[in-house]
Amino acid sequence: MTTTASLKVAFIGTGIMGAPIAGHLMDAGYELTVYNRTKEKTAGLIERGAIWANSPAEAAKGADVIFTMLGYPSDVEDVYLASDGLIRAAKTGAWLVDLTTSSAQLARDIHDAAEVEDKHAVDCPVTGGEQGAIDGTLTLIMGCEEADAAPIAALLETFSSKIFYFGSAGAGQTAKLCNQVSLAGCMVGMADALALATQGGIDVAKMLEMVGGGMGGSRALAGLGPKALEGDYKPGFLVEHFRKDLGLALEQSEDLQITLPGAETAFTLYDMLCQIGGARLGTQAISLLYAEQADAAAAGLDWGKLDVSQYAPEGEGCGCGHEHGKGHECCGGHGDGCCGGHGHDDGHECCGGHGHEHGDAHECCCGGHGEGHECGCGHEE
């Protein structure tokens, strides 16, 4: 296969991340065909010369390399494995590169199906957020060996600053979920620190500077802490997609029979945030769970939408020991947010489930991996 800019490239999924990535490919001189469910999101690329396709299959027709940046594993499964999906539609020898954070098992299934058709599918989730996509400095996490990806290396380098190869199909997805699990701990820590500083009456901006310069710092705190402090909840990465990623990590942890308590707690908080209207905000909006009710409402959140029953053992209500009246304290009912601190005992089960045992179908508000619960990843358990 030719390795010059004469390659024909298709890009499917031109949202917050996909559009700037596709733009870098065009900047490098590649002929680009695009598809997105909402055509308006391809307008900027089309103005620059990209060709619009009416379906993923049409976009793939004749393409040497096909990139996808989709939302959920269910979207990936449909786009690749449907009867008119990319596996069938792509030409022999084509490369199919999925940039979505998705399921490791699904990535393996897609890889195997592609190989049967004499095509090459690789999982390549990315990290770096919207700004990394805009700057062309994303980190790529590939489920293959470096030598395997050599034919498409030049394309990958147009929008990345680092590429890590994890050797086999699906391994890129597992590695990306490790990143998300670590980030989740940083985000909860950031939100906790902001709340403690605010309620403690100290200079919050100075606290962020101090913590950020030491071992308690993180890129998440440095980059997103100031935004949360300023009330800027514009998404660089959507809350609903982070919840999806954490759901996938918890699903895989169950398959591996391990427990990830930090990720479980973070899933709970982000799941709550989605329920009350924060799904399309940036991940720094976790700080709103600690905010006064008026501040949360000003950001578009409504605690009245929260289904508290899913965060407690069946038949026991919320599990916090309070009556669920208008002034219910567990989940923001009285204006201090879910995590505002209401003198709950160590064994309180409302928002983190610390103090109960994890059974096979524990319901500790860590994502509720009990029977019939949907983990947020697009697949039913």
Protein backbone atom coordinates (compact mmCIF):
# COMPACT_ATOMS: atom_id res chain seq x y z
CA MET A 1 0.00 0.00 0.00
CA THR A 2 1.23 3.47 -0.84
CA THR A 3 2.61 5.41 2.14
CA THR A 4 2.39 8.93 0.72
CA ALA A 5 -0.26 11.63 0.94
CA SER A 6 -1.89 10.08 -2.14
CA LEU A 7 -3.67 7.69 0.18
CA LYS A 8 -7.43 8.06 0.33
CA VAL A 9 -8.67 8.48 3.89
CA ALA A 10 -12.15 8.27 5.39
CA PHE A 11 -13.06 9.73 8.77
CA ILE A 12 -16.27 8.73 10.55
CA GLY A 13 -17.28 10.71 13.63
CA THR A 14 -16.36 14.38 13.48
CA GLY A 15 -17.34 15.59 16.95
CA ILE A 16 -15.29 17.38 19.61
CA MET A 17 -12.26 15.17 19.01
CA GLY A 18 -12.85 13.82 15.54
CA ALA A 19 -13.12 17.10 13.66
CA PRO A 20 -9.71 18.50 14.65
CA ILE A 21 -8.04 15.11 14.08
CA ALA A 22 -9.54 14.98 10.60
CA GLY A 23 -8.35 18.53 10.04
CA HIS A 24 -4.74 17.53 10.73
CA LEU A 25 -5.00 14.76 8.15
CA MET A 26 -6.18 17.33 5.61
CA ASP A 27 -3.36 19.68 6.61
CA ALA A 28 -0.94 16.90 5.75
CA GLY A 29 -2.40 16.66 2.27
CA TYR A 30 -4.53 13.54 2.52
CA GLU A 31 -7.71 13.31 0.45
CA LEU A 32 -10.50 12.98 2.99
CA THR A 33 -14.06 11.68 2.91
CA VAL A 34 -16.16 12.32 6.02
CA TYR A 35 -19.34 11.07 7.62
CA ASN A 36 -21.08 12.09 10.82
CA ARG A 37 -24.61 11.44 12.04
CA THR A 38 -25.07 15.20 12.34
CA LYS A 39 -23.91 16.57 9.02
CA GLU A 40 -23.49 20.09 10.38
CA LYS A 41 -20.49 18.91 12.38
CA THR A 42 -18.64 18.20 9.13
CA ALA A 43 -19.28 21.68 7.70
CA GLY A 44 -15.85 23.10 8.49
CA LEU A 45 -14.10 20.12 6.93
CA ILE A 46 -16.29 20.20 3.83
CA GLU A 47 -15.54 23.90 3.39
CA ARG A 48 -11.87 22.97 3.35
CA GLY A 49 -12.40 20.34 0.64
CA ALA A 50 -13.45 17.16 2.40
CA ILE A 51 -15.98 15.00 0.56
CA TRP A 52 -19.28 14.23 2.29
CA ALA A 53 -20.55 10.63 2.36
CA ASN A 54 -24.12 9.64 3.19
CA SER A 55 -23.18 6.62 5.29
CA PRO A 56 -20.15 4.96 6.87
CA ALA A 57 -20.18 2.36 4.11
CA GLU A 58 -20.14 5.06 1.45
CA ALA A 59 -17.28 6.82 3.22
CA ALA A 60 -15.28 3.60 3.34
CA LYS A 61 -15.72 2.80 -0.33
CA GLY A 62 -12.31 3.01 -2.00
CA ALA A 63 -10.54 4.33 1.13
CA ASP A 64 -7.08 3.03 1.99
CA VAL A 65 -7.39 4.03 5.64
CA ILE A 66 -10.60 4.51 7.64
CA PHE A 67 -10.61 6.26 11.02
CA THR A 68 -13.53 6.15 13.42
CA MET A 69 -14.12 8.33 16.49
CA LEU A 70 -17.47 7.29 17.91
CA GLY A 71 -19.31 7.60 21.20
CA TYR A 72 -20.12 4.19 22.66
CA PRO A 73 -19.22 0.53 22.10
CA SER A 74 -22.68 -0.02 20.70
CA ASP A 75 -21.91 2.59 18.03
CA VAL A 76 -18.60 0.91 17.25
CA GLU A 77 -20.27 -2.48 16.97
CA ASP A 78 -22.93 -1.16 14.60
CA VAL A 79 -20.52 0.78 12.40
CA TYR A 80 -18.06 -2.09 12.05
CA LEU A 81 -20.01 -5.33 12.36
CA ALA A 82 -23.45 -4.61 10.89
CA SER A 83 -24.26 -6.31 7.60
CA ASP A 84 -23.46 -3.04 5.80
CA GLY A 85 -20.67 -2.11 8.21
CA LEU A 86 -17.07 -1.19 7.63
CA ILE A 87 -15.75 -4.74 7.74
CA ARG A 88 -17.80 -5.57 4.65
CA ALA A 89 -17.68 -2.16 2.99
CA ALA A 90 -13.92 -1.53 3.14
CA LYS A 91 -11.78 -2.68 0.28
CA THR A 92 -9.34 -5.57 0.56
CA GLY A 93 -6.17 -4.50 2.32
CA ALA A 94 -7.70 -1.41 3.90
CA TRP A 95 -6.77 -0.25 7.39
CA LEU A 96 -9.54 0.42 9.91
CA VAL A 97 -8.38 2.43 12.92
CA ASP A 98 -10.81 2.91 15.80
CA LEU A 99 -9.92 5.92 17.97
CA THR A 100 -12.92 5.39 20.26
CA THR A 101 -12.46 4.29 23.86
CA SER A 102 -14.37 1.04 23.73
CA SER A 103 -14.45 -2.57 24.86
CA ALA A 104 -11.30 -4.67 24.65
CA GLN A 105 -13.31 -7.75 23.69
CA LEU A 106 -15.13 -5.84 20.97
CA ALA A 107 -11.78 -4.64 19.61
CA ARG A 108 -10.61 -8.24 19.41
CA ASP A 109 -13.82 -9.27 17.66
CA ILE A 110 -13.45 -6.50 15.09
CA HIS A 111 -9.78 -7.34 14.51
CA ASP A 112 -10.56 -11.00 13.94
CA ALA A 113 -13.47 -10.26 11.61
CA ALA A 114 -11.32 -7.90 9.57
CA GLU A 115 -8.49 -10.40 9.21
CA VAL A 116 -10.90 -12.98 7.80
CA GLU A 117 -11.78 -10.40 5.11
CA ASP A 118 -8.08 -9.63 4.44
CA LYS A 119 -8.36 -6.20 6.06
CA HIS A 120 -6.53 -4.72 9.04
CA ALA A 121 -8.40 -3.39 12.07
CA VAL A 122 -6.62 -1.92 15.08
CA ASP A 123 -7.84 -0.37 18.32
CA CYS A 124 -6.17 3.00 18.85
CA PRO A 125 -7.88 4.96 21.65
CA VAL A 126 -6.38 8.36 22.34
CA THR A 127 -5.79 10.63 25.31
CA GLY A 128 -5.16 14.34 25.47
CA GLY A 129 -8.67 15.73 25.25
CA GLU A 130 -10.04 18.36 22.91
CA GLN A 131 -7.00 20.58 23.27
CA GLY A 132 -4.68 17.74 22.37
CA ALA A 133 -6.78 17.01 19.30
CA ILE A 134 -6.68 20.69 18.29
CA ASP A 135 -2.93 20.94 18.86
CA GLY A 136 -2.19 17.61 17.17
CA THR A 137 -0.44 16.34 20.31
CA LEU A 138 -2.61 13.39 21.29
CA THR A 139 -1.16 10.24 22.81
CA LEU A 140 -2.17 7.17 20.80
CA ILE A 141 -2.59 3.81 22.55
CA MET A 142 -2.44 1.02 20.01
CA GLY A 143 -3.45 -2.60 20.23
CA CYS A 144 -0.72 -3.87 17.91
CA GLU A 145 3.05 -4.01 17.50
CA GLU A 146 4.90 -0.98 16.12
CA ALA A 147 6.01 -2.94 13.05
CA ASP A 148 2.40 -3.88 12.31
CA ALA A 149 1.34 -0.22 12.15
CA ALA A 150 4.26 0.91 9.97
CA PRO A 151 2.10 1.30 6.81
CA ILE A 152 -0.05 3.96 8.52
CA ALA A 153 2.58 5.55 10.79
CA ALA A 154 2.76 8.74 8.74
CA LEU A 155 -0.98 9.36 9.15
CA LEU A 156 -0.89 8.68 12.88
CA GLU A 157 1.93 11.15 13.35
CA THR A 158 -0.13 13.99 11.87
CA PHE A 159 -2.22 14.28 15.05
CA SER A 160 -0.07 12.77 17.81
CA SER A 161 3.04 13.50 19.84
CA LYS A 162 3.41 10.03 21.40
CA ILE A 163 2.42 6.55 20.30
CA PHE A 164 2.44 3.55 22.63
CA TYR A 165 2.14 0.03 21.23
CA PHE A 166 0.65 -2.66 23.47
CA GLY A 167 1.14 -5.62 21.17
CA SER A 168 -2.21 -7.27 20.55
CA ALA A 169 -5.81 -6.49 19.61
CA GLY A 170 -7.78 -5.10 22.55
CA ALA A 171 -4.68 -4.27 24.58
CA GLY A 172 -4.87 -0.65 23.52
CA GLN A 173 -8.35 -0.43 25.00
CA THR A 174 -7.25 -2.00 28.27
CA ALA A 175 -4.34 0.43 28.53
CA LYS A 176 -6.64 3.39 27.85
CA LEU A 177 -8.99 2.24 30.60
CA CYS A 178 -6.00 2.20 32.96
CA ASN A 179 -5.52 5.86 32.08
CA GLN A 180 -9.17 6.61 32.76
CA VAL A 181 -9.14 4.80 36.11
CA SER A 182 -6.10 6.81 37.21
CA LEU A 183 -7.66 10.03 35.95
CA ALA A 184 -10.86 9.25 37.87
CA GLY A 185 -8.94 9.23 41.13
CA CYS A 186 -7.36 12.56 40.22
CA MET A 187 -10.75 14.10 39.42
CA VAL A 188 -12.32 12.99 42.70
CA GLY A 189 -9.25 14.21 44.56
CA MET A 190 -9.45 17.57 42.81
CA ALA A 191 -13.12 17.97 43.66
CA ASP A 192 -12.53 16.96 47.28
CA ALA A 193 -9.68 19.47 47.59
CA LEU A 194 -11.76 22.28 46.09
CA ALA A 195 -14.60 21.55 48.49
CA LEU A 196 -12.33 21.37 51.53
CA ALA A 197 -10.60 24.63 50.62
CA THR A 198 -13.89 26.40 49.91
CA GLN A 199 -15.59 25.31 53.11
CA GLY A 200 -12.38 25.82 55.07
CA GLY A 201 -12.34 29.47 54.07
CA ILE A 202 -8.88 29.56 52.46
CA ASP A 203 -7.73 31.04 49.16
CA VAL A 204 -8.78 28.32 46.71
CA ALA A 205 -6.64 29.57 43.82
CA LYS A 206 -3.57 29.65 46.06
CA MET A 207 -4.40 26.14 47.27
CA LEU A 208 -4.47 24.90 43.67
CA GLU A 209 -1.09 26.49 43.02
CA MET A 210 0.38 24.96 46.18
CA VAL A 211 -1.00 21.46 45.64
CA GLY A 212 -0.17 21.54 41.94
CA GLY A 213 3.49 22.14 42.71
CA GLY A 214 3.84 19.09 44.93
CA MET A 215 3.15 15.39 45.10
CA GLY A 216 -0.57 16.06 45.43
CA GLY A 217 -0.65 17.68 42.03
CA SER A 218 -1.82 16.22 38.74
CA ARG A 219 -2.36 17.42 35.20
CA ALA A 220 -6.07 17.14 35.90
CA LEU A 221 -5.83 19.45 38.89
CA ALA A 222 -3.59 21.93 37.08
CA GLY A 223 -5.68 22.02 33.93
CA LEU A 224 -9.21 21.59 35.23
CA GLY A 225 -9.08 22.89 38.79
CA PRO A 226 -8.93 26.55 37.70
CA LYS A 227 -11.78 25.98 35.25
CA ALA A 228 -13.97 24.50 37.98
CA LEU A 229 -13.07 27.41 40.26
CA GLU A 230 -14.08 29.89 37.56
CA GLY A 231 -17.35 28.09 36.83
CA ASP A 232 -16.18 27.10 33.35
CA TYR A 233 -17.74 23.72 32.61
CA LYS A 234 -17.22 23.73 28.84
CA PRO A 235 -16.34 20.18 27.80
CA GLY A 236 -12.89 19.19 26.72
CA PHE A 237 -14.13 15.69 27.49
CA LEU A 238 -17.78 14.98 28.14
CA VAL A 239 -19.03 13.71 31.49
CA GLU A 240 -21.19 11.07 29.79
CA HIS A 241 -18.20 9.69 27.91
CA PHE A 242 -16.08 9.56 31.05
CA ARG A 243 -18.88 7.68 32.81
CA LYS A 244 -18.92 5.29 29.85
CA ASP A 245 -15.18 4.72 30.13
CA LEU A 246 -15.38 4.04 33.86
CA GLY A 247 -18.26 1.65 33.24
CA LEU A 248 -16.10 -0.23 30.77
CA ALA A 249 -13.24 -0.41 33.27
CA LEU A 250 -15.57 -1.76 35.95
CA GLU A 251 -17.03 -4.26 33.51
CA GLN A 252 -13.54 -5.51 32.66
CA SER A 253 -12.57 -5.59 36.35
CA GLU A 254 -15.52 -7.88 37.01
CA ASP A 255 -14.40 -10.17 34.21
CA LEU A 256 -10.94 -10.25 35.83
CA GLN A 257 -12.47 -10.71 39.30
CA ILE A 258 -10.78 -7.68 40.81
CA THR A 259 -12.21 -4.66 42.62
CA LEU A 260 -11.45 -1.05 41.72
CA PRO A 261 -12.89 0.95 44.65
CA GLY A 262 -11.58 4.29 43.41
CA ALA A 263 -13.12 3.82 39.99
CA GLU A 264 -16.35 2.60 41.59
CA THR A 265 -16.66 5.77 43.65
CA ALA A 266 -15.87 7.97 40.65
CA PHE A 267 -18.44 6.13 38.55
CA THR A 268 -21.07 6.79 41.20
CA LEU A 269 -20.37 10.51 41.19
CA TYR A 270 -20.27 10.85 37.42
CA ASP A 271 -23.40 8.73 37.09
CA MET A 272 -25.17 11.09 39.48
CA LEU A 273 -23.90 14.06 37.51
CA CYS A 274 -25.31 12.58 34.30
CA GLN A 275 -28.68 11.94 35.93
CA ILE A 276 -29.11 15.50 37.16
CA GLY A 277 -28.35 17.12 33.83
CA GLY A 278 -24.56 17.26 33.61
CA ALA A 279 -23.95 14.65 30.91
CA ARG A 280 -22.83 17.19 28.30
CA LEU A 281 -20.61 19.22 30.63
CA GLY A 282 -16.86 18.80 30.98
CA THR A 283 -15.46 16.38 33.53
CA GLN A 284 -14.49 19.26 35.85
CA ALA A 285 -18.23 19.62 36.55
CA ILE A 286 -17.80 16.92 39.20
CA SER A 287 -17.12 19.89 41.49
CA LEU A 288 -20.79 20.87 41.13
CA LEU A 289 -21.77 17.84 43.21
CA TYR A 290 -20.25 19.69 46.17
CA ALA A 291 -21.79 23.05 45.31
CA GLU A 292 -24.70 24.96 46.79
CA GLN A 293 -27.97 24.05 45.11
CA ALA A 294 -28.30 27.50 43.55
CA ASP A 295 -24.86 27.24 41.96
CA ALA A 296 -25.65 23.77 40.61
CA ALA A 297 -28.97 25.01 39.25
CA ALA A 298 -27.24 27.92 37.54
CA ALA A 299 -25.11 25.37 35.68
CA GLY A 300 -28.25 23.57 34.52
CA LEU A 301 -28.40 20.81 37.11
CA ASP A 302 -31.54 19.57 38.83
CA TRP A 303 -31.12 17.32 41.86
CA GLY A 304 -34.80 16.43 41.61
CA LYS A 305 -33.96 14.18 38.66
CA LEU A 306 -31.76 11.89 40.72
CA ASP A 307 -33.02 8.35 41.28
CA VAL A 308 -31.63 7.80 44.76
CA SER A 309 -33.05 4.28 44.95
CA GLN A 310 -30.37 2.87 42.65
CA TYR A 311 -27.64 3.82 45.11
CA ALA A 312 -28.95 1.68 47.96
CA PRO A 313 -29.82 -1.94 48.72
CA GLU A 314 -33.25 -2.86 47.40
CA GLY A 315 -36.04 -1.82 49.70
CA GLU A 316 -33.85 0.37 51.87
CA GLY A 317 -34.29 3.69 50.08
CA CYS A 318 -31.16 5.71 49.77
CA GLY A 319 -29.31 3.95 52.51
CA CYS A 320 -28.25 7.15 54.25
CA GLY A 321 -30.62 6.78 57.17
CA HIS A 322 -32.52 9.99 56.41
CA GLU A 323 -36.14 10.39 55.54
CA HIS A 324 -36.68 11.44 51.94
CA GLY A 325 -38.59 14.64 52.42
CA LYS A 326 -38.06 17.97 50.78
CA GLY A 327 -35.05 18.58 52.95
CA HIS A 328 -33.40 15.21 52.33
CA GLU A 329 -29.70 15.61 52.93
CA CYS A 330 -28.17 12.72 51.05
CA CYS A 331 -28.11 13.89 47.48
CA GLY A 332 -28.33 17.60 47.46
CA GLY A 333 -31.92 18.05 48.51
CA HIS A 334 -31.17 20.84 50.93
CA GLY A 335 -28.80 22.84 48.80
CA ASP A 336 -25.38 21.60 49.89
CA GLY A 337 -24.85 19.11 47.12
CA CYS A 338 -24.34 15.37 47.34
CA CYS A 339 -20.86 15.59 48.81
CA GLY A 340 -21.20 18.64 50.99
CA GLY A 341 -20.64 16.69 54.20
CA HIS A 342 -23.60 16.10 56.48
CA GLY A 343 -22.05 14.28 59.40
CA HIS A 344 -22.51 10.83 57.90
CA ASP A 345 -20.96 7.96 59.78
CA ASP A 346 -18.03 5.99 58.34
CA GLY A 347 -20.39 3.29 57.20
CA HIS A 348 -22.69 5.66 55.32
CA GLU A 349 -23.75 4.02 52.08
CA CYS A 350 -25.00 6.93 50.02
CA CYS A 351 -22.12 8.20 47.93
CA GLY A 352 -19.24 5.81 47.82
CA GLY A 353 -20.57 2.83 49.67
CA HIS A 354 -17.75 2.71 52.24
CA GLY A 355 -18.57 0.24 54.94
CA HIS A 356 -20.38 -2.61 53.21
CA GLU A 357 -19.12 -5.86 51.81
CA HIS A 358 -18.88 -6.43 48.08
CA GLY A 359 -20.88 -9.43 47.06
CA ASP A 360 -21.24 -10.79 43.55
CA ALA A 361 -23.98 -8.29 42.80
CA HIS A 362 -23.05 -5.54 45.26
CA GLU A 363 -25.15 -2.42 45.10
CA CYS A 364 -22.73 0.00 46.71
CA CYS A 365 -23.45 2.96 44.43
CA CYS A 366 -20.21 2.26 42.61
CA GLY A 367 -22.00 1.79 39.37
CA GLY A 368 -24.52 -0.68 40.68
CA HIS A 369 -23.21 -3.81 39.10
CA GLY A 370 -26.20 -5.73 40.25
CA GLU A 371 -28.61 -7.65 38.12
CA GLY A 372 -30.18 -5.59 35.38
CA HIS A 373 -28.12 -2.44 35.94
CA GLU A 374 -26.80 -0.66 32.88
CA CYS A 375 -23.18 0.39 33.34
CA GLY A 376 -23.29 3.40 31.04
CA CYS A 377 -21.16 1.85 28.32
CA GLY A 378 -24.01 1.22 25.95
CA HIS A 379 -24.27 -2.49 26.60
CA GLU A 380 -26.58 -4.19 29.07
CA GLU A 381 -24.82 -6.44 31.52
